[in-house]
Amino acid sequence: MLGTAEEVFIRVSGIIEKIIMKIAEKNTTPVPQKGAPNLFKRCTPANSNIATLAQIEQIYDYIRMLDAEGCPKAFMKKEHFRFEFNRASFKANGSIISDVRIIQKK
């Protein structure tokens, strides 16, 4: 799915609303899940560092998956600065354009 995490949430919210309405209208009966569940942990600042990523597609995906309210921003650290990234756009030439917030370390 394309877009930032926030854009994906907005698109999915309409679909979820329709599903909830169907469930409420049809008075459905729950069915046990088949197979093993997939569990996903919430992103933390500790796993939001993009400095070790080797592929530009990975960097793009990290920036956009962390670009939602409540998520720690994708970041890199240098000696005197921390760089936080959001609003990534992947370009046809294989580059990324992104907003960056630069914070001086104290």
N, C-alpha and C. Protein backbone atom coordinates (compact mmCIF):
# COMPACT_ATOMS: atom_id res chain seq x y z
N MET A 1 0.84 -1.17 0.00
CA MET A 1 0.00 0.00 0.00
C MET A 1 0.89 1.24 0.00
N LEU A 2 0.56 2.19 -0.81
CA LEU A 2 1.37 3.40 -0.91
C LEU A 2 0.90 4.45 0.07
N GLY A 3 1.80 5.37 0.39
CA GLY A 3 1.48 6.48 1.26
C GLY A 3 2.12 6.34 2.63
N THR A 4 2.00 7.41 3.40
CA THR A 4 2.52 7.39 4.76
C THR A 4 1.59 6.54 5.63
N ALA A 5 2.04 6.22 6.83
CA ALA A 5 1.20 5.46 7.76
C ALA A 5 -0.12 6.19 7.99
N GLU A 6 -0.06 7.50 8.14
CA GLU A 6 -1.26 8.30 8.38
C GLU A 6 -2.23 8.19 7.20
N GLU A 7 -1.72 8.27 5.97
CA GLU A 7 -2.56 8.17 4.78
C GLU A 7 -3.19 6.77 4.67
N VAL A 8 -2.42 5.74 5.00
CA VAL A 8 -2.94 4.37 4.98
C VAL A 8 -4.05 4.24 6.02
N PHE A 9 -3.84 4.77 7.23
CA PHE A 9 -4.86 4.72 8.28
C PHE A 9 -6.15 5.38 7.81
N ILE A 10 -6.03 6.52 7.15
CA ILE A 10 -7.21 7.24 6.67
C ILE A 10 -7.96 6.41 5.63
N ARG A 11 -7.23 5.82 4.67
CA ARG A 11 -7.88 5.00 3.64
C ARG A 11 -8.54 3.76 4.25
N VAL A 12 -7.86 3.13 5.18
CA VAL A 12 -8.37 1.90 5.78
C VAL A 12 -9.57 2.18 6.68
N SER A 13 -9.62 3.36 7.28
CA SER A 13 -10.72 3.66 8.21
C SER A 13 -12.08 3.56 7.54
N GLY A 14 -12.18 3.96 6.29
CA GLY A 14 -13.45 3.84 5.56
C GLY A 14 -13.84 2.39 5.35
N ILE A 15 -12.88 1.55 5.05
CA ILE A 15 -13.13 0.11 4.85
C ILE A 15 -13.55 -0.52 6.18
N ILE A 16 -12.86 -0.17 7.25
CA ILE A 16 -13.19 -0.71 8.57
C ILE A 16 -14.60 -0.32 8.98
N GLU A 17 -14.97 0.93 8.70
CA GLU A 17 -16.33 1.38 9.02
C GLU A 17 -17.37 0.52 8.32
N LYS A 18 -17.15 0.21 7.03
CA LYS A 18 -18.08 -0.64 6.28
C LYS A 18 -18.16 -2.04 6.88
N ILE A 19 -17.02 -2.59 7.28
CA ILE A 19 -16.99 -3.92 7.88
C ILE A 19 -17.77 -3.93 9.20
N ILE A 20 -17.57 -2.91 10.03
CA ILE A 20 -18.28 -2.82 11.30
C ILE A 20 -19.79 -2.74 11.06
N MET A 21 -20.19 -1.95 10.08
CA MET A 21 -21.62 -1.83 9.77
C MET A 21 -22.21 -3.17 9.32
N LYS A 22 -21.48 -3.91 8.47
CA LYS A 22 -21.94 -5.22 8.02
C LYS A 22 -22.10 -6.18 9.20
N ILE A 23 -21.10 -6.19 10.08
CA ILE A 23 -21.15 -7.07 11.25
C ILE A 23 -22.36 -6.73 12.11
N ALA A 24 -22.59 -5.44 12.33
CA ALA A 24 -23.71 -5.01 13.17
C ALA A 24 -25.05 -5.32 12.52
N GLU A 25 -25.16 -5.12 11.22
CA GLU A 25 -26.43 -5.34 10.52
C GLU A 25 -26.78 -6.82 10.37
N LYS A 26 -25.80 -7.66 10.13
CA LYS A 26 -26.06 -9.07 9.84
C LYS A 26 -26.05 -9.94 11.09
N ASN A 27 -25.70 -9.35 12.25
CA ASN A 27 -25.65 -10.11 13.49
C ASN A 27 -24.84 -11.40 13.29
N THR A 28 -23.63 -11.26 12.80
CA THR A 28 -22.78 -12.39 12.46
C THR A 28 -22.31 -13.15 13.70
N THR A 29 -21.95 -14.40 13.48
CA THR A 29 -21.43 -15.26 14.54
C THR A 29 -19.92 -15.33 14.40
N PRO A 30 -19.18 -15.10 15.48
CA PRO A 30 -17.71 -15.18 15.39
C PRO A 30 -17.25 -16.58 14.98
N VAL A 31 -16.17 -16.63 14.22
CA VAL A 31 -15.57 -17.89 13.78
C VAL A 31 -14.12 -17.88 14.26
N PRO A 32 -13.66 -18.96 14.87
CA PRO A 32 -12.26 -18.99 15.34
C PRO A 32 -11.28 -18.78 14.18
N GLN A 33 -10.21 -18.09 14.46
CA GLN A 33 -9.17 -17.83 13.46
C GLN A 33 -8.46 -19.13 13.13
N LYS A 34 -8.12 -19.30 11.86
CA LYS A 34 -7.35 -20.47 11.44
C LYS A 34 -5.89 -20.08 11.32
N GLY A 35 -5.00 -21.00 11.67
CA GLY A 35 -3.57 -20.75 11.56
C GLY A 35 -3.02 -19.96 12.73
N ALA A 36 -1.74 -19.77 12.71
CA ALA A 36 -1.06 -19.05 13.79
C ALA A 36 -1.27 -17.54 13.62
N PRO A 37 -1.49 -16.82 14.72
CA PRO A 37 -1.66 -15.37 14.62
C PRO A 37 -0.34 -14.67 14.28
N ASN A 38 -0.44 -13.55 13.60
CA ASN A 38 0.72 -12.69 13.35
C ASN A 38 0.69 -11.58 14.39
N LEU A 39 1.72 -11.50 15.19
CA LEU A 39 1.79 -10.48 16.22
C LEU A 39 2.81 -9.43 15.82
N PHE A 40 2.44 -8.16 15.95
CA PHE A 40 3.31 -7.06 15.58
C PHE A 40 3.49 -6.17 16.80
N LYS A 41 4.73 -5.85 17.10
CA LYS A 41 5.02 -4.96 18.22
C LYS A 41 5.01 -3.52 17.73
N ARG A 42 4.64 -2.62 18.61
CA ARG A 42 4.63 -1.19 18.30
C ARG A 42 6.08 -0.71 18.13
N CYS A 43 6.30 0.17 17.18
CA CYS A 43 7.63 0.72 16.96
C CYS A 43 8.05 1.57 18.17
N THR A 44 9.31 1.50 18.47
CA THR A 44 9.87 2.30 19.57
C THR A 44 11.03 3.13 19.00
N PRO A 45 11.44 4.15 19.72
CA PRO A 45 12.61 4.91 19.25
C PRO A 45 13.84 4.02 19.03
N ALA A 46 13.97 2.97 19.82
CA ALA A 46 15.13 2.08 19.69
C ALA A 46 15.18 1.38 18.33
N ASN A 47 14.02 1.14 17.71
CA ASN A 47 14.05 0.47 16.40
C ASN A 47 13.61 1.39 15.26
N SER A 48 13.82 2.70 15.45
CA SER A 48 13.46 3.68 14.42
C SER A 48 14.68 4.30 13.74
N ASN A 49 15.86 3.82 14.10
CA ASN A 49 17.11 4.35 13.54
C ASN A 49 17.33 3.76 12.15
N ILE A 50 17.48 4.60 11.15
CA ILE A 50 17.66 4.14 9.77
C ILE A 50 19.13 4.08 9.35
N ALA A 51 20.04 4.40 10.26
CA ALA A 51 21.47 4.48 9.91
C ALA A 51 22.05 3.17 9.42
N THR A 52 21.52 2.04 9.83
CA THR A 52 22.10 0.74 9.46
C THR A 52 21.43 0.11 8.24
N LEU A 53 20.39 0.75 7.71
CA LEU A 53 19.69 0.18 6.56
C LEU A 53 20.55 0.30 5.30
N ALA A 54 20.49 -0.73 4.45
CA ALA A 54 21.38 -0.78 3.29
C ALA A 54 20.68 -0.50 1.96
N GLN A 55 19.36 -0.58 1.93
CA GLN A 55 18.62 -0.39 0.69
C GLN A 55 17.77 0.87 0.78
N ILE A 56 17.73 1.65 -0.29
CA ILE A 56 16.97 2.90 -0.28
C ILE A 56 15.47 2.63 -0.10
N GLU A 57 14.99 1.49 -0.61
CA GLU A 57 13.58 1.13 -0.43
C GLU A 57 13.26 0.90 1.05
N GLN A 58 14.21 0.32 1.79
CA GLN A 58 14.02 0.11 3.23
C GLN A 58 13.91 1.45 3.96
N ILE A 59 14.76 2.38 3.58
CA ILE A 59 14.73 3.70 4.21
C ILE A 59 13.39 4.37 3.93
N TYR A 60 12.93 4.32 2.69
CA TYR A 60 11.63 4.90 2.33
C TYR A 60 10.51 4.27 3.15
N ASP A 61 10.50 2.95 3.24
CA ASP A 61 9.45 2.26 4.00
C ASP A 61 9.49 2.62 5.48
N TYR A 62 10.68 2.71 6.05
CA TYR A 62 10.81 3.10 7.47
C TYR A 62 10.24 4.49 7.70
N ILE A 63 10.63 5.44 6.86
CA ILE A 63 10.17 6.82 7.05
C ILE A 63 8.66 6.87 6.98
N ARG A 64 8.06 6.24 5.97
CA ARG A 64 6.62 6.35 5.82
C ARG A 64 5.84 5.52 6.83
N MET A 65 6.39 4.38 7.30
CA MET A 65 5.65 3.60 8.29
C MET A 65 5.68 4.26 9.65
N LEU A 66 6.65 5.13 9.89
CA LEU A 66 6.75 5.83 11.17
C LEU A 66 6.18 7.24 11.09
N ASP A 67 5.57 7.57 9.98
CA ASP A 67 5.05 8.92 9.75
C ASP A 67 3.57 9.02 10.11
N ALA A 68 3.26 8.71 11.37
CA ALA A 68 1.90 8.84 11.88
C ALA A 68 1.97 9.36 13.30
N GLU A 69 0.90 10.00 13.71
CA GLU A 69 0.86 10.53 15.07
C GLU A 69 1.04 9.39 16.08
N GLY A 70 1.89 9.63 17.05
CA GLY A 70 2.14 8.64 18.08
C GLY A 70 3.31 7.71 17.79
N CYS A 71 3.82 7.74 16.56
CA CYS A 71 4.96 6.89 16.21
C CYS A 71 6.25 7.70 16.34
N PRO A 72 7.33 7.05 16.78
CA PRO A 72 8.61 7.76 16.79
C PRO A 72 9.09 7.93 15.36
N LYS A 73 9.57 9.09 15.02
CA LYS A 73 10.03 9.37 13.66
C LYS A 73 11.28 8.56 13.33
N ALA A 74 11.42 8.20 12.06
CA ALA A 74 12.66 7.59 11.59
C ALA A 74 13.76 8.62 11.79
N PHE A 75 14.93 8.16 12.21
CA PHE A 75 15.99 9.12 12.51
C PHE A 75 17.37 8.54 12.22
N MET A 76 18.35 9.45 12.21
CA MET A 76 19.78 9.12 12.16
C MET A 76 20.47 10.08 13.11
N LYS A 77 21.56 9.62 13.69
CA LYS A 77 22.33 10.48 14.59
C LYS A 77 23.72 10.70 14.01
N LYS A 78 24.21 11.88 14.20
CA LYS A 78 25.60 12.23 13.92
C LYS A 78 26.17 12.78 15.21
N GLU A 79 27.43 13.12 15.20
CA GLU A 79 28.10 13.53 16.43
C GLU A 79 27.35 14.63 17.19
N HIS A 80 26.93 15.67 16.48
CA HIS A 80 26.31 16.82 17.15
C HIS A 80 24.82 16.99 16.85
N PHE A 81 24.27 16.11 15.99
CA PHE A 81 22.90 16.33 15.54
C PHE A 81 22.11 15.02 15.47
N ARG A 82 20.80 15.18 15.57
CA ARG A 82 19.85 14.09 15.32
C ARG A 82 18.98 14.56 14.16
N PHE A 83 18.78 13.72 13.16
CA PHE A 83 17.98 14.02 11.98
C PHE A 83 16.72 13.16 12.01
N GLU A 84 15.55 13.79 12.05
CA GLU A 84 14.28 13.07 12.06
C GLU A 84 13.58 13.30 10.73
N PHE A 85 13.07 12.22 10.13
CA PHE A 85 12.52 12.27 8.78
C PHE A 85 11.02 12.00 8.77
N ASN A 86 10.30 12.71 7.88
CA ASN A 86 8.90 12.42 7.63
C ASN A 86 8.52 12.91 6.24
N ARG A 87 7.31 12.60 5.82
CA ARG A 87 6.77 12.99 4.51
C ARG A 87 7.67 12.57 3.36
N ALA A 88 8.01 11.30 3.32
CA ALA A 88 8.90 10.78 2.27
C ALA A 88 8.16 10.58 0.96
N SER A 89 8.87 10.82 -0.12
CA SER A 89 8.35 10.59 -1.46
C SER A 89 9.45 9.88 -2.25
N PHE A 90 9.12 8.72 -2.82
CA PHE A 90 10.09 7.94 -3.59
C PHE A 90 10.01 8.40 -5.04
N LYS A 91 11.12 8.81 -5.60
CA LYS A 91 11.16 9.35 -6.96
C LYS A 91 11.57 8.28 -7.97
N ALA A 92 11.20 8.50 -9.22
CA ALA A 92 11.46 7.54 -10.30
C ALA A 92 12.95 7.27 -10.49
N ASN A 93 13.80 8.22 -10.13
CA ASN A 93 15.24 8.02 -10.30
C ASN A 93 15.87 7.25 -9.14
N GLY A 94 15.02 6.73 -8.22
CA GLY A 94 15.53 5.93 -7.11
C GLY A 94 15.96 6.74 -5.91
N SER A 95 15.59 7.99 -5.85
CA SER A 95 15.95 8.83 -4.70
C SER A 95 14.72 9.09 -3.84
N ILE A 96 14.97 9.59 -2.64
CA ILE A 96 13.89 9.93 -1.72
C ILE A 96 13.95 11.43 -1.45
N ILE A 97 12.80 12.06 -1.47
CA ILE A 97 12.70 13.44 -1.00
C ILE A 97 11.87 13.37 0.28
N SER A 98 12.37 14.02 1.33
CA SER A 98 11.71 13.95 2.63
C SER A 98 11.90 15.24 3.39
N ASP A 99 10.98 15.52 4.28
CA ASP A 99 11.20 16.61 5.24
C ASP A 99 12.12 16.07 6.32
N VAL A 100 12.97 16.92 6.83
CA VAL A 100 13.88 16.50 7.90
C VAL A 100 13.90 17.58 8.98
N ARG A 101 13.86 17.15 10.19
CA ARG A 101 14.00 18.05 11.36
C ARG A 101 15.38 17.79 11.94
N ILE A 102 16.18 18.82 12.08
CA ILE A 102 17.55 18.68 12.61
C ILE A 102 17.58 19.25 14.00
N ILE A 103 18.00 18.42 14.94
CA ILE A 103 18.04 18.81 16.35
C ILE A 103 19.47 18.74 16.83
N GLN A 104 19.95 19.83 17.38
CA GLN A 104 21.32 19.86 17.91
C GLN A 104 21.35 19.17 19.27
N LYS A 105 22.31 18.25 19.41
CA LYS A 105 22.47 17.56 20.70
C LYS A 105 23.08 18.52 21.72
N LYS A 106 22.73 18.32 22.95
CA LYS A 106 23.25 19.18 24.02
C LYS A 106 24.38 18.52 24.73
